[in-house]
Amino acid sequence: MGFPRHLVYDDETVVLDLRPHWWYFSRHIVTGVPLLAVVIGTAAIPNADVRNVLRWPVGVLVLVWALWLAQEFLRWWVTYFVVTDQRVLYRTGVLGRHGVEIPLDRITNINYYQGIWERIIGAGDLDIESAGEEGDTHFDNVRHPDDVQNEIYTEMEHVAHRGAEAGADALGDAVARALQRRGVSPSAGSDVASKIEQLARLRDEGHITPAEFEGRKNRLLDQL
């Protein structure tokens, strides 16, 4: 069962849909191994009377451990870490729900941490810093956090590129309308508008400074 589709926008694409790493159950593994040893040891006691006395408290321990595991499994099952082409989403909780939503264009930095053991098993923690009220958000037991970090950065670049294209197109349309009002021929105006769009993309991508953009734009307009 993947992330609920009704929580995704119609024009949104899910890039990553992850549940917590199996290391999420580390406490159950650590406590389950000695509990198993106790069960085996109790069953191996040759004295039937002693074995019958011990089997009840041991049985209660096993039942409590199993209920604890079932509860955590259900919580794991309804926990999602999702990356789309617009947002990072986190949802968890069985009865009470908790959610985090971080737009990609508000993310300022992403850090991850893996110890030696976590590098071996492919787990780790992820910290996402964002502008605004969200601040820093910490996520535990993320599957391959280095790959997740790279994927988020890739989608952030796509968002920035789409924004630059939209801004350049809008600027080009505005320039074309202004030139038409000045009586410039459509072919000349279209050529100038196209060049200004290209300059705007170079500015938004960081290849030229805003001052250089303004200077080149004014020179193009002066040629008309």
Protein backbone atom coordinates (compact mmCIF):
# COMPACT_ATOMS: atom_id res chain seq x y z
CA MET A 1 0.00 0.00 0.00
CA GLY A 2 1.55 3.26 -1.15
CA PHE A 3 0.99 6.87 -0.17
CA PRO A 4 -2.72 7.82 -0.44
CA ARG A 5 -3.32 9.37 -3.85
CA HIS A 6 -5.94 11.81 -2.54
CA LEU A 7 -3.14 13.60 -0.64
CA VAL A 8 -1.28 14.31 -3.91
CA TYR A 9 -2.18 17.21 -6.21
CA ASP A 10 -3.53 16.40 -9.67
CA ASP A 11 -0.50 17.99 -11.35
CA GLU A 12 1.98 16.45 -8.87
CA THR A 13 4.25 13.45 -9.50
CA VAL A 14 5.49 11.18 -6.68
CA VAL A 15 9.24 10.60 -7.03
CA LEU A 16 9.95 8.67 -3.80
CA ASP A 17 7.46 6.81 -1.61
CA LEU A 18 9.25 5.31 1.41
CA ARG A 19 8.41 3.72 4.71
CA PRO A 20 10.95 3.75 7.57
CA HIS A 21 13.92 1.41 7.31
CA TRP A 22 13.55 -1.97 9.05
CA TRP A 23 16.02 -0.66 11.66
CA TYR A 24 12.92 1.10 12.98
CA PHE A 25 12.36 -2.20 14.83
CA SER A 26 15.84 -2.25 16.42
CA ARG A 27 14.47 -2.14 19.97
CA HIS A 28 12.28 -5.16 19.26
CA ILE A 29 15.22 -7.05 17.78
CA VAL A 30 17.45 -6.24 20.74
CA THR A 31 14.83 -7.34 23.27
CA GLY A 32 13.53 -10.26 21.21
CA VAL A 33 16.85 -12.11 21.00
CA PRO A 34 17.33 -12.52 24.80
CA LEU A 35 13.61 -13.26 25.16
CA LEU A 36 13.99 -16.10 22.66
CA ALA A 37 16.95 -17.40 24.64
CA VAL A 38 14.80 -17.36 27.81
CA VAL A 39 12.03 -19.29 26.04
CA ILE A 40 14.47 -21.91 24.76
CA GLY A 41 16.16 -22.17 28.16
CA THR A 42 12.82 -22.61 29.92
CA ALA A 43 11.74 -25.32 27.51
CA ALA A 44 15.05 -27.11 28.06
CA ILE A 45 14.70 -27.34 31.86
CA PRO A 46 14.53 -31.07 32.69
CA ASN A 47 12.49 -30.62 35.88
CA ALA A 48 8.83 -30.53 34.82
CA ASP A 49 7.66 -28.77 37.98
CA VAL A 50 10.12 -25.92 37.57
CA ARG A 51 9.34 -25.72 33.87
CA ASN A 52 5.60 -25.46 34.54
CA VAL A 53 6.14 -22.70 37.12
CA LEU A 54 8.32 -20.63 34.76
CA ARG A 55 6.28 -21.04 31.61
CA TRP A 56 3.51 -18.68 32.79
CA PRO A 57 5.64 -15.59 33.50
CA VAL A 58 7.68 -16.33 30.37
CA GLY A 59 4.45 -16.67 28.38
CA VAL A 60 3.26 -13.31 29.68
CA LEU A 61 6.56 -11.70 28.64
CA VAL A 62 6.22 -13.18 25.15
CA LEU A 63 2.63 -11.92 24.87
CA VAL A 64 3.57 -8.40 25.97
CA TRP A 65 6.49 -8.36 23.51
CA ALA A 66 4.26 -9.58 20.67
CA LEU A 67 1.63 -6.90 21.37
CA TRP A 68 4.35 -4.26 21.48
CA LEU A 69 5.70 -5.49 18.13
CA ALA A 70 2.21 -5.48 16.58
CA GLN A 71 1.61 -1.91 17.73
CA GLU A 72 4.91 -0.68 16.30
CA PHE A 73 4.36 -2.57 13.05
CA LEU A 74 0.99 -0.87 12.59
CA ARG A 75 2.62 2.50 13.23
CA TRP A 76 5.38 1.65 10.74
CA TRP A 77 2.79 0.60 8.18
CA VAL A 78 1.06 4.00 8.23
CA THR A 79 4.26 6.07 8.23
CA TYR A 80 5.27 7.60 4.89
CA PHE A 81 8.20 9.71 3.73
CA VAL A 82 7.36 11.01 0.27
CA VAL A 83 9.18 13.23 -2.20
CA THR A 84 7.23 14.69 -5.12
CA ASP A 85 8.22 17.14 -7.82
CA GLN A 86 6.78 19.91 -5.60
CA ARG A 87 7.02 18.92 -1.91
CA VAL A 88 8.48 16.70 0.78
CA LEU A 89 5.68 15.00 2.74
CA TYR A 90 5.71 13.03 5.99
CA ARG A 91 2.69 11.32 7.53
CA THR A 92 2.50 9.05 10.59
CA GLY A 93 0.07 7.96 13.29
CA VAL A 94 -2.65 5.35 13.73
CA LEU A 95 -5.42 7.19 15.62
CA GLY A 96 -3.80 10.58 16.11
CA ARG A 97 -2.09 11.73 12.92
CA HIS A 98 1.03 13.87 12.49
CA GLY A 99 2.14 15.38 9.21
CA VAL A 100 4.90 17.56 7.77
CA GLU A 101 4.84 19.31 4.41
CA ILE A 102 7.85 21.20 3.03
CA PRO A 103 7.66 22.89 -0.41
CA LEU A 104 10.83 22.24 -2.40
CA ASP A 105 11.31 25.93 -3.19
CA ARG A 106 11.54 26.69 0.56
CA ILE A 107 14.27 24.15 1.35
CA THR A 108 17.62 25.78 2.09
CA ASN A 109 19.79 22.85 3.18
CA ILE A 110 19.71 19.05 3.61
CA ASN A 111 22.01 17.05 5.89
CA TYR A 112 22.12 13.34 6.65
CA TYR A 113 23.88 11.25 9.26
CA GLN A 114 24.93 7.59 9.18
CA GLY A 115 27.01 5.67 11.69
CA ILE A 116 29.15 2.73 10.60
CA TRP A 117 26.39 0.19 11.22
CA GLU A 118 23.80 2.37 9.52
CA ARG A 119 26.01 2.68 6.43
CA ILE A 120 26.19 -1.10 6.26
CA ILE A 121 22.43 -1.61 6.45
CA GLY A 122 21.51 1.50 4.39
CA ALA A 123 19.72 3.54 7.05
CA GLY A 124 20.22 6.97 8.59
CA ASP A 125 18.74 10.26 9.72
CA LEU A 126 17.85 13.24 7.55
CA ASP A 127 17.67 16.92 8.54
CA ILE A 128 15.90 19.37 6.22
CA GLU A 129 16.30 23.10 6.80
CA SER A 130 13.68 25.36 5.26
CA ALA A 131 12.73 29.01 5.22
CA GLY A 132 9.72 30.23 7.18
CA GLU A 133 8.00 28.74 10.20
CA GLU A 134 8.98 25.14 9.40
CA GLY A 135 12.62 25.68 10.36
CA ASP A 136 14.58 22.44 10.81
CA THR A 137 12.81 19.10 10.47
CA HIS A 138 14.40 15.81 11.57
CA PHE A 139 13.52 12.39 10.12
CA ASP A 140 14.69 9.09 11.67
CA ASN A 141 15.33 5.73 10.03
CA VAL A 142 15.32 6.99 6.44
CA ARG A 143 16.22 4.43 3.78
CA HIS A 144 19.49 5.38 2.03
CA PRO A 145 19.45 9.02 3.19
CA ASP A 146 22.30 9.96 0.83
CA ASP A 147 20.22 8.91 -2.18
CA VAL A 148 17.18 10.71 -0.77
CA GLN A 149 19.25 13.87 -0.32
CA ASN A 150 20.43 13.72 -3.94
CA GLU A 151 16.90 13.11 -5.21
CA ILE A 152 15.51 16.10 -3.31
CA TYR A 153 18.29 18.34 -4.66
CA THR A 154 17.52 17.11 -8.19
CA GLU A 155 13.85 17.95 -7.83
CA MET A 156 14.77 21.35 -6.36
CA GLU A 157 16.81 22.07 -9.50
CA HIS A 158 13.83 21.11 -11.65
CA VAL A 159 11.59 23.46 -9.66
CA ALA A 160 14.08 26.31 -10.05
CA HIS A 161 14.38 25.62 -13.78
CA ARG A 162 10.61 25.63 -14.25
CA GLY A 163 10.39 28.89 -12.32
CA ALA A 164 13.14 30.45 -14.43
CA GLU A 165 11.42 29.41 -17.65
CA ALA A 166 8.07 30.77 -16.48
CA GLY A 167 9.68 34.06 -15.43
CA ALA A 168 11.57 34.39 -18.70
CA ASP A 169 8.45 33.65 -20.75
CA ALA A 170 6.45 36.21 -18.80
CA LEU A 171 9.20 38.80 -19.25
CA GLY A 172 9.39 38.08 -22.98
CA ASP A 173 5.63 38.48 -23.37
CA ALA A 174 5.70 41.77 -21.45
CA VAL A 175 8.55 43.11 -23.61
CA ALA A 176 6.74 42.09 -26.80
CA ARG A 177 3.56 43.91 -25.73
CA ALA A 178 5.55 47.00 -24.80
CA LEU A 179 7.31 47.03 -28.17
CA GLN A 180 4.01 46.66 -29.99
CA ARG A 181 2.69 49.70 -28.15
CA ARG A 182 5.78 51.61 -29.34
CA GLY A 183 4.97 50.69 -32.94
CA VAL A 184 7.90 48.31 -33.45
CA SER A 185 7.35 45.69 -36.18
CA PRO A 186 6.25 42.26 -34.89
CA SER A 187 9.28 40.45 -36.35
CA ALA A 188 11.79 42.83 -34.74
CA GLY A 189 9.89 42.85 -31.47
CA SER A 190 9.72 39.05 -31.41
CA ASP A 191 13.47 38.77 -32.00
CA VAL A 192 14.28 41.21 -29.20
CA ALA A 193 11.81 39.57 -26.84
CA SER A 194 13.39 36.17 -27.55
CA LYS A 195 16.88 37.47 -26.80
CA ILE A 196 15.70 39.07 -23.56
CA GLU A 197 14.09 35.77 -22.54
CA GLN A 198 17.44 34.05 -23.07
CA LEU A 199 19.20 36.70 -21.00
CA ALA A 200 16.62 36.27 -18.23
CA ARG A 201 17.27 32.53 -18.15
CA LEU A 202 21.02 33.13 -17.94
CA ARG A 203 20.43 35.54 -15.06
CA ASP A 204 18.13 33.13 -13.20
CA GLU A 205 20.64 30.29 -13.65
CA GLY A 206 23.44 32.47 -12.26
CA HIS A 207 25.49 32.77 -15.46
CA ILE A 208 25.21 36.55 -15.53
CA THR A 209 24.55 39.10 -12.78
CA PRO A 210 21.34 41.18 -12.55
CA ALA A 211 23.40 44.26 -13.49
CA GLU A 212 24.73 42.54 -16.62
CA PHE A 213 21.21 41.49 -17.52
CA GLU A 214 19.88 45.05 -17.24
CA GLY A 215 22.77 46.43 -19.30
CA ARG A 216 22.35 43.94 -22.14
CA LYS A 217 18.58 44.32 -22.10
CA ASN A 218 18.83 48.11 -22.41
CA ARG A 219 21.29 47.77 -25.30
CA LEU A 220 18.86 45.49 -27.14
CA LEU A 221 16.03 47.97 -26.60
CA ASP A 222 18.21 50.85 -27.77
CA GLN A 223 18.78 49.09 -31.11
CA LEU A 224 15.10 49.47 -32.01
